[in-house]
PDB file of N, CA and C in Angstrom:
ATOM      1  N   MET A   1      -4.538 -27.780 -12.021  1.00  0.00           N
ATOM      2  CA  MET A   1      -5.193 -26.735 -11.270  1.00  0.00           C
ATOM      3  C   MET A   1      -4.237 -25.551 -11.126  1.00  0.00           C
ATOM      4  N   ALA A   2      -4.744 -24.353 -11.302  1.00  0.00           N
ATOM      5  CA  ALA A   2      -3.931 -23.138 -11.220  1.00  0.00           C
ATOM      6  C   ALA A   2      -3.627 -22.799  -9.763  1.00  0.00           C
ATOM      7  N   THR A   3      -2.401 -22.330  -9.535  1.00  0.00           N
ATOM      8  CA  THR A   3      -1.986 -21.886  -8.207  1.00  0.00           C
ATOM      9  C   THR A   3      -1.496 -20.451  -8.312  1.00  0.00           C
ATOM     10  N   PHE A   4      -2.010 -19.592  -7.428  1.00  0.00           N
ATOM     11  CA  PHE A   4      -1.689 -18.167  -7.446  1.00  0.00           C
ATOM     12  C   PHE A   4      -0.644 -17.840  -6.382  1.00  0.00           C
ATOM     13  N   TYR A   5       0.286 -16.901  -6.711  1.00  0.00           N
ATOM     14  CA  TYR A   5       1.368 -16.527  -5.809  1.00  0.00           C
ATOM     15  C   TYR A   5       1.616 -15.024  -5.865  1.00  0.00           C
ATOM     16  N   ASN A   6       2.268 -14.510  -4.823  1.00  0.00           N
ATOM     17  CA  ASN A   6       2.817 -13.154  -4.795  1.00  0.00           C
ATOM     18  C   ASN A   6       4.268 -13.251  -4.372  1.00  0.00           C
ATOM     19  N   ARG A   7       5.115 -12.474  -4.985  1.00  0.00           N
ATOM     20  CA  ARG A   7       6.532 -12.382  -4.599  1.00  0.00           C
ATOM     21  C   ARG A   7       6.792 -10.926  -4.256  1.00  0.00           C
ATOM     22  N   VAL A   8       7.172 -10.660  -3.000  1.00  0.00           N
ATOM     23  CA  VAL A   8       7.378  -9.300  -2.508  1.00  0.00           C
ATOM     24  C   VAL A   8       8.873  -8.990  -2.432  1.00  0.00           C
ATOM     25  N   VAL A   9       9.253  -7.829  -2.933  1.00  0.00           N
ATOM     26  CA  VAL A   9      10.627  -7.340  -2.792  1.00  0.00           C
ATOM     27  C   VAL A   9      10.528  -5.936  -2.212  1.00  0.00           C
ATOM     28  N   LYS A  10      11.062  -5.758  -1.015  1.00  0.00           N
ATOM     29  CA  LYS A  10      11.012  -4.462  -0.328  1.00  0.00           C
ATOM     30  C   LYS A  10      12.325  -3.706  -0.521  1.00  0.00           C
ATOM     31  N   ASN A  11      12.222  -2.385  -0.474  1.00  0.00           N
ATOM     32  CA  ASN A  11      13.393  -1.497  -0.496  1.00  0.00           C
ATOM     33  C   ASN A  11      14.307  -1.763  -1.689  1.00  0.00           C
ATOM     34  N   LEU A  12      13.771  -1.573  -2.897  1.00  0.00           N
ATOM     35  CA  LEU A  12      14.581  -1.768  -4.102  1.00  0.00           C
ATOM     36  C   LEU A  12      15.842  -0.929  -4.037  1.00  0.00           C
ATOM     37  N   ASP A  13      16.867  -1.430  -4.681  1.00  0.00           N
ATOM     38  CA  ASP A  13      18.169  -0.771  -4.695  1.00  0.00           C
ATOM     39  C   ASP A  13      18.415  -0.178  -6.081  1.00  0.00           C
ATOM     40  N   THR A  14      19.519   0.540  -6.207  1.00  0.00           N
ATOM     41  CA  THR A  14      19.912   1.078  -7.509  1.00  0.00           C
ATOM     42  C   THR A  14      20.607   0.017  -8.355  1.00  0.00           C
ATOM     43  N   SER A  15      20.872  -1.141  -7.770  1.00  0.00           N
ATOM     44  CA  SER A  15      21.393  -2.298  -8.494  1.00  0.00           C
ATOM     45  C   SER A  15      20.244  -3.251  -8.788  1.00  0.00           C
ATOM     46  N   LYS A  16      20.347  -3.969  -9.889  1.00  0.00           N
ATOM     47  CA  LYS A  16      19.307  -4.890 -10.319  1.00  0.00           C
ATOM     48  C   LYS A  16      19.095  -6.005  -9.298  1.00  0.00           C
ATOM     49  N   ILE A  17      17.810  -6.290  -9.000  1.00  0.00           N
ATOM     50  CA  ILE A  17      17.422  -7.369  -8.093  1.00  0.00           C
ATOM     51  C   ILE A  17      16.468  -8.291  -8.843  1.00  0.00           C
ATOM     52  N   ALA A  18      16.716  -9.599  -8.779  1.00  0.00           N
ATOM     53  CA  ALA A  18      15.792 -10.561  -9.385  1.00  0.00           C
ATOM     54  C   ALA A  18      14.566 -10.676  -8.488  1.00  0.00           C
ATOM     55  N   ALA A  19      13.420 -10.185  -8.970  1.00  0.00           N
ATOM     56  CA  ALA A  19      12.183 -10.227  -8.192  1.00  0.00           C
ATOM     57  C   ALA A  19      11.495 -11.575  -8.308  1.00  0.00           C
ATOM     58  N   PHE A  20      11.656 -12.230  -9.454  1.00  0.00           N
ATOM     59  CA  PHE A  20      10.992 -13.511  -9.675  1.00  0.00           C
ATOM     60  C   PHE A  20      11.660 -14.229 -10.823  1.00  0.00           C
ATOM     61  N   GLN A  21      11.823 -15.565 -10.694  1.00  0.00           N
ATOM     62  CA  GLN A  21      12.337 -16.385 -11.787  1.00  0.00           C
ATOM     63  C   GLN A  21      11.369 -17.517 -12.049  1.00  0.00           C
ATOM     64  N   SER A  22      10.999 -17.683 -13.297  1.00  0.00           N
ATOM     65  CA  SER A  22      10.039 -18.711 -13.678  1.00  0.00           C
ATOM     66  C   SER A  22      10.712 -20.075 -13.756  1.00  0.00           C
ATOM     67  N   THR A  23      10.013 -21.087 -13.270  1.00  0.00           N
ATOM     68  CA  THR A  23      10.491 -22.469 -13.371  1.00  0.00           C
ATOM     69  C   THR A  23       9.524 -23.305 -14.197  1.00  0.00           C
ATOM     70  N   SER A  24       8.564 -22.633 -14.853  1.00  0.00           N
ATOM     71  CA  SER A  24       7.552 -23.341 -15.628  1.00  0.00           C
ATOM     72  C   SER A  24       7.209 -22.534 -16.869  1.00  0.00           C
ATOM     73  N   ASP A  25       6.957 -23.231 -17.976  1.00  0.00           N
ATOM     74  CA  ASP A  25       6.515 -22.541 -19.185  1.00  0.00           C
ATOM     75  C   ASP A  25       5.054 -22.109 -19.081  1.00  0.00           C
ATOM     76  N   SER A  26       4.425 -22.437 -17.968  1.00  0.00           N
ATOM     77  CA  SER A  26       3.026 -22.068 -17.756  1.00  0.00           C
ATOM     78  C   SER A  26       2.877 -20.976 -16.701  1.00  0.00           C
ATOM     79  N   THR A  27       3.874 -20.095 -16.584  1.00  0.00           N
ATOM     80  CA  THR A  27       3.805 -18.990 -15.629  1.00  0.00           C
ATOM     81  C   THR A  27       3.207 -17.765 -16.307  1.00  0.00           C
ATOM     82  N   ILE A  28       2.167 -17.228 -15.694  1.00  0.00           N
ATOM     83  CA  ILE A  28       1.509 -16.036 -16.210  1.00  0.00           C
ATOM     84  C   ILE A  28       1.647 -14.939 -15.159  1.00  0.00           C
ATOM     85  N   ILE A  29       2.294 -13.842 -15.526  1.00  0.00           N
ATOM     86  CA  ILE A  29       2.424 -12.687 -14.639  1.00  0.00           C
ATOM     87  C   ILE A  29       1.123 -11.892 -14.751  1.00  0.00           C
ATOM     88  N   LEU A  30       0.464 -11.691 -13.611  1.00  0.00           N
ATOM     89  CA  LEU A  30      -0.809 -10.973 -13.584  1.00  0.00           C
ATOM     90  C   LEU A  30      -0.614  -9.482 -13.344  1.00  0.00           C
ATOM     91  N   SER A  31       0.331  -9.133 -12.467  1.00  0.00           N
ATOM     92  CA  SER A  31       0.612  -7.721 -12.213  1.00  0.00           C
ATOM     93  C   SER A  31       1.998  -7.571 -11.598  1.00  0.00           C
ATOM     94  N   ILE A  32       2.559  -6.403 -11.798  1.00  0.00           N
ATOM     95  CA  ILE A  32       3.805  -6.009 -11.148  1.00  0.00           C
ATOM     96  C   ILE A  32       3.517  -4.640 -10.538  1.00  0.00           C
ATOM     97  N   LEU A  33       3.175  -4.651  -9.265  1.00  0.00           N
ATOM     98  CA  LEU A  33       2.844  -3.420  -8.561  1.00  0.00           C
ATOM     99  C   LEU A  33       4.102  -2.832  -7.942  1.00  0.00           C
ATOM    100  N   VAL A  34       4.271  -1.532  -8.073  1.00  0.00           N
ATOM    101  CA  VAL A  34       5.404  -0.831  -7.491  1.00  0.00           C
ATOM    102  C   VAL A  34       4.858   0.312  -6.653  1.00  0.00           C
ATOM    103  N   ALA A  35       5.258   0.356  -5.379  1.00  0.00           N
ATOM    104  CA  ALA A  35       4.797   1.396  -4.464  1.00  0.00           C
ATOM    105  C   ALA A  35       5.973   2.241  -4.008  1.00  0.00           C
ATOM    106  N   ASN A  36       5.767   3.554  -4.002  1.00  0.00           N
ATOM    107  CA  ASN A  36       6.770   4.481  -3.499  1.00  0.00           C
ATOM    108  C   ASN A  36       6.462   4.722  -2.021  1.00  0.00           C
ATOM    109  N   THR A  37       7.385   4.358  -1.158  1.00  0.00           N
ATOM    110  CA  THR A  37       7.160   4.441   0.287  1.00  0.00           C
ATOM    111  C   THR A  37       7.714   5.717   0.905  1.00  0.00           C
ATOM    112  N   THR A  38       8.258   6.604   0.094  1.00  0.00           N
ATOM    113  CA  THR A  38       8.792   7.854   0.634  1.00  0.00           C
ATOM    114  C   THR A  38       7.693   8.885   0.794  1.00  0.00           C
ATOM    115  N   GLY A  39       7.924   9.833   1.666  1.00  0.00           N
ATOM    116  CA  GLY A  39       6.917  10.839   1.954  1.00  0.00           C
ATOM    117  C   GLY A  39       6.907  12.021   1.018  1.00  0.00           C
ATOM    118  N   SER A  40       8.018  12.283   0.315  1.00  0.00           N
ATOM    119  CA  SER A  40       8.049  13.525  -0.453  1.00  0.00           C
ATOM    120  C   SER A  40       8.808  13.471  -1.775  1.00  0.00           C
ATOM    121  N   THR A  41       9.386  12.332  -2.132  1.00  0.00           N
ATOM    122  CA  THR A  41      10.238  12.282  -3.319  1.00  0.00           C
ATOM    123  C   THR A  41       9.777  11.213  -4.298  1.00  0.00           C
ATOM    124  N   ALA A  42       9.630  11.587  -5.556  1.00  0.00           N
ATOM    125  CA  ALA A  42       9.333  10.606  -6.601  1.00  0.00           C
ATOM    126  C   ALA A  42      10.575   9.769  -6.861  1.00  0.00           C
ATOM    127  N   ALA A  43      10.373   8.558  -7.350  1.00  0.00           N
ATOM    128  CA  ALA A  43      11.487   7.679  -7.706  1.00  0.00           C
ATOM    129  C   ALA A  43      11.133   6.963  -9.002  1.00  0.00           C
ATOM    130  N   ASP A  44      12.138   6.602  -9.772  1.00  0.00           N
ATOM    131  CA  ASP A  44      11.935   5.892 -11.034  1.00  0.00           C
ATOM    132  C   ASP A  44      12.200   4.409 -10.839  1.00  0.00           C
ATOM    133  N   VAL A  45      11.388   3.576 -11.505  1.00  0.00           N
ATOM    134  CA  VAL A  45      11.572   2.133 -11.467  1.00  0.00           C
ATOM    135  C   VAL A  45      11.867   1.633 -12.877  1.00  0.00           C
ATOM    136  N   THR A  46      12.739   0.650 -12.959  1.00  0.00           N
ATOM    137  CA  THR A  46      13.006  -0.063 -14.200  1.00  0.00           C
ATOM    138  C   THR A  46      12.707  -1.531 -13.952  1.00  0.00           C
ATOM    139  N   VAL A  47      11.927  -2.137 -14.864  1.00  0.00           N
ATOM    140  CA  VAL A  47      11.559  -3.544 -14.764  1.00  0.00           C
ATOM    141  C   VAL A  47      11.986  -4.213 -16.059  1.00  0.00           C
ATOM    142  N   GLU A  48      12.736  -5.317 -15.930  1.00  0.00           N
ATOM    143  CA  GLU A  48      13.307  -5.994 -17.088  1.00  0.00           C
ATOM    144  C   GLU A  48      12.904  -7.466 -17.123  1.00  0.00           C
ATOM    145  N   GLN A  49      12.908  -8.016 -18.342  1.00  0.00           N
ATOM    146  CA  GLN A  49      12.912  -9.466 -18.489  1.00  0.00           C
ATOM    147  C   GLN A  49      14.355  -9.839 -18.776  1.00  0.00           C
ATOM    148  N   ASP A  50      14.901 -10.728 -17.955  1.00  0.00           N
ATOM    149  CA  ASP A  50      16.283 -11.175 -18.097  1.00  0.00           C
ATOM    150  C   ASP A  50      16.321 -12.672 -18.319  1.00  0.00           C
ATOM    151  N   ASP A  51      17.461 -13.150 -18.842  1.00  0.00           N
ATOM    152  CA  ASP A  51      17.657 -14.589 -18.913  1.00  0.00           C
ATOM    153  C   ASP A  51      18.130 -15.095 -17.548  1.00  0.00           C
ATOM    154  N   ALA A  52      18.405 -16.373 -17.431  1.00  0.00           N
ATOM    155  CA  ALA A  52      18.783 -16.977 -16.148  1.00  0.00           C
ATOM    156  C   ALA A  52      20.093 -16.430 -15.598  1.00  0.00           C
ATOM    157  N   SER A  53      20.912 -15.824 -16.442  1.00  0.00           N
ATOM    158  CA  SER A  53      22.185 -15.236 -16.003  1.00  0.00           C
ATOM    159  C   SER A  53      22.072 -13.737 -15.747  1.00  0.00           C
ATOM    160  N   SER A  54      20.872 -13.225 -15.667  1.00  0.00           N
ATOM    161  CA  SER A  54      20.576 -11.801 -15.419  1.00  0.00           C
ATOM    162  C   SER A  54      20.973 -10.883 -16.566  1.00  0.00           C
ATOM    163  N   ASN A  55      21.069 -11.427 -17.777  1.00  0.00           N
ATOM    164  CA  ASN A  55      21.335 -10.600 -18.953  1.00  0.00           C
ATOM    165  C   ASN A  55      20.021 -10.042 -19.487  1.00  0.00           C
ATOM    166  N   LEU A  56      19.981  -8.748 -19.743  1.00  0.00           N
ATOM    167  CA  LEU A  56      18.790  -8.063 -20.228  1.00  0.00           C
ATOM    168  C   LEU A  56      18.314  -8.645 -21.550  1.00  0.00           C
ATOM    169  N   GLU A  57      17.014  -8.969 -21.604  1.00  0.00           N
ATOM    170  CA  GLU A  57      16.382  -9.383 -22.858  1.00  0.00           C
ATOM    171  C   GLU A  57      15.408  -8.316 -23.359  1.00  0.00           C
ATOM    172  N   GLY A  58      14.829  -7.553 -22.428  1.00  0.00           N
ATOM    173  CA  GLY A  58      13.907  -6.490 -22.824  1.00  0.00           C
ATOM    174  C   GLY A  58      13.331  -5.790 -21.606  1.00  0.00           C
ATOM    175  N   TYR A  59      12.853  -4.569 -21.811  1.00  0.00           N
ATOM    176  CA  TYR A  59      12.275  -3.771 -20.736  1.00  0.00           C
ATOM    177  C   TYR A  59      10.759  -3.929 -20.709  1.00  0.00           C
ATOM    178  N   LEU A  60      10.206  -4.066 -19.515  1.00  0.00           N
ATOM    179  CA  LEU A  60       8.767  -3.939 -19.327  1.00  0.00           C
ATOM    180  C   LEU A  60       8.450  -2.501 -18.943  1.00  0.00           C
ATOM    181  N   ALA A  61       9.386  -1.847 -18.272  1.00  0.00           N
ATOM    182  CA  ALA A  61       9.295  -0.425 -17.940  1.00  0.00           C
ATOM    183  C   ALA A  61      10.723   0.083 -17.772  1.00  0.00           C
ATOM    184  N   ARG A  62      10.975   1.288 -18.240  1.00  0.00           N
ATOM    185  CA  ARG A  62      12.325   1.859 -18.114  1.00  0.00           C
ATOM    186  C   ARG A  62      12.207   3.271 -17.561  1.00  0.00           C
ATOM    187  N   GLN A  63      12.743   3.460 -16.364  1.00  0.00           N
ATOM    188  CA  GLN A  63      12.743   4.748 -15.676  1.00  0.00           C
ATOM    189  C   GLN A  63      11.339   5.348 -15.616  1.00  0.00           C
ATOM    190  N   LEU A  64      10.391   4.528 -15.204  1.00  0.00           N
ATOM    191  CA  LEU A  64       9.006   4.948 -15.036  1.00  0.00           C
ATOM    192  C   LEU A  64       8.862   5.613 -13.672  1.00  0.00           C
ATOM    193  N   THR A  65       8.372   6.836 -13.645  1.00  0.00           N
ATOM    194  CA  THR A  65       8.287   7.606 -12.402  1.00  0.00           C
ATOM    195  C   THR A  65       7.112   7.146 -11.544  1.00  0.00           C
ATOM    196  N   VAL A  66       7.417   6.892 -10.262  1.00  0.00           N
ATOM    197  CA  VAL A  66       6.401   6.551  -9.266  1.00  0.00           C
ATOM    198  C   VAL A  66       6.357   7.717  -8.278  1.00  0.00           C
ATOM    199  N   PRO A  67       5.270   8.501  -8.279  1.00  0.00           N
ATOM    200  CA  PRO A  67       5.178   9.643  -7.366  1.00  0.00           C
ATOM    201  C   PRO A  67       5.243   9.189  -5.906  1.00  0.00           C
ATOM    202  N   SER A  68       5.637  10.097  -5.013  1.00  0.00           N
ATOM    203  CA  SER A  68       5.723   9.749  -3.594  1.00  0.00           C
ATOM    204  C   SER A  68       4.360   9.312  -3.073  1.00  0.00           C
ATOM    205  N   GLN A  69       4.390   8.330  -2.192  1.00  0.00           N
ATOM    206  CA  GLN A  69       3.197   7.763  -1.564  1.00  0.00           C
ATOM    207  C   GLN A  69       2.139   7.318  -2.579  1.00  0.00           C
ATOM    208  N   SER A  70       2.592   6.787  -3.720  1.00  0.00           N
ATOM    209  CA  SER A  70       1.695   6.302  -4.774  1.00  0.00           C
ATOM    210  C   SER A  70       2.162   4.932  -5.239  1.00  0.00           C
ATOM    211  N   ASN A  71       1.338   4.301  -6.068  1.00  0.00           N
ATOM    212  CA  ASN A  71       1.753   3.044  -6.671  1.00  0.00           C
ATOM    213  C   ASN A  71       1.352   3.012  -8.133  1.00  0.00           C
ATOM    214  N   ILE A  72       1.976   2.108  -8.881  1.00  0.00           N
ATOM    215  CA  ILE A  72       1.652   1.905 -10.288  1.00  0.00           C
ATOM    216  C   ILE A  72       1.652   0.405 -10.560  1.00  0.00           C
ATOM    217  N   ASP A  73       0.920   0.002 -11.586  1.00  0.00           N
ATOM    218  CA  ASP A  73       0.980  -1.370 -12.083  1.00  0.00           C
ATOM    219  C   ASP A  73       1.736  -1.308 -13.404  1.00  0.00           C
ATOM    220  N   VAL A  74       2.862  -1.957 -13.460  1.00  0.00           N
ATOM    221  CA  VAL A  74       3.758  -1.844 -14.613  1.00  0.00           C
ATOM    222  C   VAL A  74       3.166  -2.477 -15.866  1.00  0.00           C
ATOM    223  N   ILE A  75       2.411  -3.560 -15.714  1.00  0.00           N
ATOM    224  CA  ILE A  75       1.822  -4.196 -16.897  1.00  0.00           C
ATOM    225  C   ILE A  75       0.309  -4.005 -16.870  1.00  0.00           C
ATOM    226  N   SER A  76      -0.283  -3.822 -18.036  1.00  0.00           N
ATOM    227  CA  SER A  76      -1.719  -3.597 -18.105  1.00  0.00           C
ATOM    228  C   SER A  76      -2.470  -4.836 -18.567  1.00  0.00           C
ATOM    229  N   ASN A  77      -1.745  -5.880 -18.865  1.00  0.00           N
ATOM    230  CA  ASN A  77      -2.358  -7.122 -19.312  1.00  0.00           C
ATOM    231  C   ASN A  77      -1.503  -8.277 -18.810  1.00  0.00           C
ATOM    232  N   LYS A  78      -1.944  -9.470 -19.012  1.00  0.00           N
ATOM    233  CA  LYS A  78      -1.177 -10.638 -18.588  1.00  0.00           C
ATOM    234  C   LYS A  78       0.094 -10.753 -19.421  1.00  0.00           C
ATOM    235  N   PHE A  79       1.101 -11.383 -18.822  1.00  0.00           N
ATOM    236  CA  PHE A  79       2.407 -11.510 -19.467  1.00  0.00           C
ATOM    237  C   PHE A  79       2.923 -12.922 -19.221  1.00  0.00           C
ATOM    238  N   ILE A  80       3.241 -13.658 -20.272  1.00  0.00           N
ATOM    239  CA  ILE A  80       3.757 -15.022 -20.153  1.00  0.00           C
ATOM    240  C   ILE A  80       5.266 -14.946 -19.964  1.00  0.00           C
ATOM    241  N   LEU A  81       5.760 -15.597 -18.896  1.00  0.00           N
ATOM    242  CA  LEU A  81       7.193 -15.620 -18.631  1.00  0.00           C
ATOM    243  C   LEU A  81       7.684 -17.058 -18.761  1.00  0.00           C
ATOM    244  N   PRO A  82       8.452 -17.374 -19.809  1.00  0.00           N
ATOM    245  CA  PRO A  82       8.915 -18.740 -20.022  1.00  0.00           C
ATOM    246  C   PRO A  82       9.860 -19.222 -18.917  1.00  0.00           C
ATOM    247  N   SER A  83       9.982 -20.507 -18.814  1.00  0.00           N
ATOM    248  CA  SER A  83      10.872 -21.126 -17.828  1.00  0.00           C
ATOM    249  C   SER A  83      12.305 -20.631 -18.002  1.00  0.00           C
ATOM    250  N   GLY A  84      12.962 -20.337 -16.893  1.00  0.00           N
ATOM    251  CA  GLY A  84      14.343 -19.872 -16.922  1.00  0.00           C
ATOM    252  C   GLY A  84      14.492 -18.371 -17.073  1.00  0.00           C
ATOM    253  N   LYS A  85      13.435 -17.674 -17.387  1.00  0.00           N
ATOM    254  CA  LYS A  85      13.481 -16.212 -17.504  1.00  0.00           C
ATOM    255  C   LYS A  85      13.151 -15.597 -16.153  1.00  0.00           C
ATOM    256  N   GLN A  86      13.591 -14.357 -15.950  1.00  0.00           N
ATOM    257  CA  GLN A  86      13.308 -13.703 -14.680  1.00  0.00           C
ATOM    258  C   GLN A  86      12.887 -12.259 -14.885  1.00  0.00           C
ATOM    259  N   ILE A  87      12.166 -11.757 -13.886  1.00  0.00           N
ATOM    260  CA  ILE A  87      11.782 -10.355 -13.813  1.00  0.00           C
ATOM    261  C   ILE A  87      12.750  -9.693 -12.833  1.00  0.00           C
ATOM    262  N   SER A  88      13.459  -8.672 -13.279  1.00  0.00           N
ATOM    263  CA  SER A  88      14.398  -7.936 -12.431  1.00  0.00           C
ATOM    264  C   SER A  88      13.924  -6.502 -12.291  1.00  0.00           C
ATOM    265  N   VAL A  89      14.203  -5.907 -11.132  1.00  0.00           N
ATOM    266  CA  VAL A  89      13.758  -4.542 -10.846  1.00  0.00           C
ATOM    267  C   VAL A  89      14.904  -3.741 -10.242  1.00  0.00           C
ATOM    268  N   LEU A  90      14.884  -2.431 -10.474  1.00  0.00           N
ATOM    269  CA  LEU A  90      15.814  -1.524  -9.821  1.00  0.00           C
ATOM    270  C   LEU A  90      15.185  -0.150  -9.720  1.00  0.00           C
ATOM    271  N   SER A  91      15.675   0.636  -8.783  1.00  0.00           N
ATOM    272  CA  SER A  91      15.118   1.947  -8.482  1.00  0.00           C
ATOM    273  C   SER A  91      16.179   3.024  -8.701  1.00  0.00           C
ATOM    274  N   SER A  92      15.733   4.240  -8.969  1.00  0.00           N
ATOM    275  CA  SER A  92      16.658   5.366  -9.086  1.00  0.00           C
ATOM    276  C   SER A  92      17.089   5.872  -7.717  1.00  0.00           C
ATOM    277  N   SER A  93      16.355   5.463  -6.670  1.00  0.00           N
ATOM    278  CA  SER A  93      16.633   5.921  -5.317  1.00  0.00           C
ATOM    279  C   SER A  93      16.564   4.725  -4.366  1.00  0.00           C
ATOM    280  N   SER A  94      17.675   4.345  -3.814  1.00  0.00           N
ATOM    281  CA  SER A  94      17.762   3.160  -2.966  1.00  0.00           C
ATOM    282  C   SER A  94      16.817   3.239  -1.771  1.00  0.00           C
ATOM    283  N   GLY A  95      16.051   2.150  -1.549  1.00  0.00           N
ATOM    284  CA  GLY A  95      15.189   2.038  -0.387  1.00  0.00           C
ATOM    285  C   GLY A  95      13.853   2.749  -0.468  1.00  0.00           C
ATOM    286  N   SER A  96      13.502   3.299  -1.623  1.00  0.00           N
ATOM    287  CA  SER A  96      12.272   4.086  -1.705  1.00  0.00           C
ATOM    288  C   SER A  96      11.103   3.343  -2.341  1.00  0.00           C
ATOM    289  N   LEU A  97      11.348   2.214  -2.989  1.00  0.00           N
ATOM    290  CA  LEU A  97      10.286   1.492  -3.692  1.00  0.00           C
ATOM    291  C   LEU A  97      10.171   0.054  -3.205  1.00  0.00           C
ATOM    292  N   ASP A  98       8.943  -0.439  -3.144  1.00  0.00           N
ATOM    293  CA  ASP A  98       8.643  -1.851  -2.903  1.00  0.00           C
ATOM    294  C   ASP A  98       7.910  -2.367  -4.126  1.00  0.00           C
ATOM    295  N   THR A  99       8.028  -3.666  -4.402  1.00  0.00           N
ATOM    296  CA  THR A  99       7.303  -4.245  -5.531  1.00  0.00           C
ATOM    297  C   THR A  99       6.689  -5.583  -5.145  1.00  0.00           C
ATOM    298  N   ILE A 100       5.568  -5.893  -5.783  1.00  0.00           N
ATOM    299  CA  ILE A 100       4.907  -7.190  -5.621  1.00  0.00           C
ATOM    300  C   ILE A 100       4.628  -7.737  -7.016  1.00  0.00           C
ATOM    301  N   VAL A 101       5.149  -8.922  -7.296  1.00  0.00           N
ATOM    302  CA  VAL A 101       4.879  -9.611  -8.543  1.00  0.00           C
ATOM    303  C   VAL A 101       3.809 -10.670  -8.248  1.00  0.00           C
ATOM    304  N   SER A 102       2.646 -10.548  -8.882  1.00  0.00           N
ATOM    305  CA  SER A 102       1.572 -11.524  -8.723  1.00  0.00           C
ATOM    306  C   SER A 102       1.557 -12.398  -9.969  1.00  0.00           C
ATOM    307  N   TYR A 103       1.514 -13.716  -9.750  1.00  0.00           N
ATOM    308  CA  TYR A 103       1.569 -14.636 -10.887  1.00  0.00           C
ATOM    309  C   TYR A 103       0.783 -15.893 -10.596  1.00  0.00           C
ATOM    310  N   VAL A 104       0.502 -16.639 -11.658  1.00  0.00           N
ATOM    311  CA  VAL A 104      -0.213 -17.898 -11.549  1.00  0.00           C
ATOM    312  C   VAL A 104       0.565 -18.946 -12.363  1.00  0.00           C
ATOM    313  N   GLU A 105       0.612 -20.140 -11.829  1.00  0.00           N
ATOM    314  CA  GLU A 105       1.193 -21.275 -12.562  1.00  0.00           C
ATOM    315  C   GLU A 105       0.067 -22.253 -12.847  1.00  0.00           C
ATOM    316  N   VAL A 106      -0.100 -22.558 -14.137  1.00  0.00           N
ATOM    317  CA  VAL A 106      -1.179 -23.468 -14.540  1.00  0.00           C
ATOM    318  C   VAL A 106      -0.607 -24.784 -15.018  1.00  0.00           C
TER     319      VAL A 106
END
């Protein structure tokens, strides 16, 4: 039976933060929502797929601009994340972005 989850990371930093790490080969990422919580300044988000040691394997988004008081969905389709891999996020402006990773384990 499939189980649905959300992983919330508030106030992204300019340093990489592991937003989610898969422990199953049956993890499907449904969305990666990024919201800009500032009132007047756009900020850029970078979203990566990393290995278990936080080494970059590839970008899902690189310096994607999120306008102030707006949100974006980084992926437009489902994304399979193998066991041991992680989704990492960072912002161009510390404390201005929040993210929610929605996923299902089947």
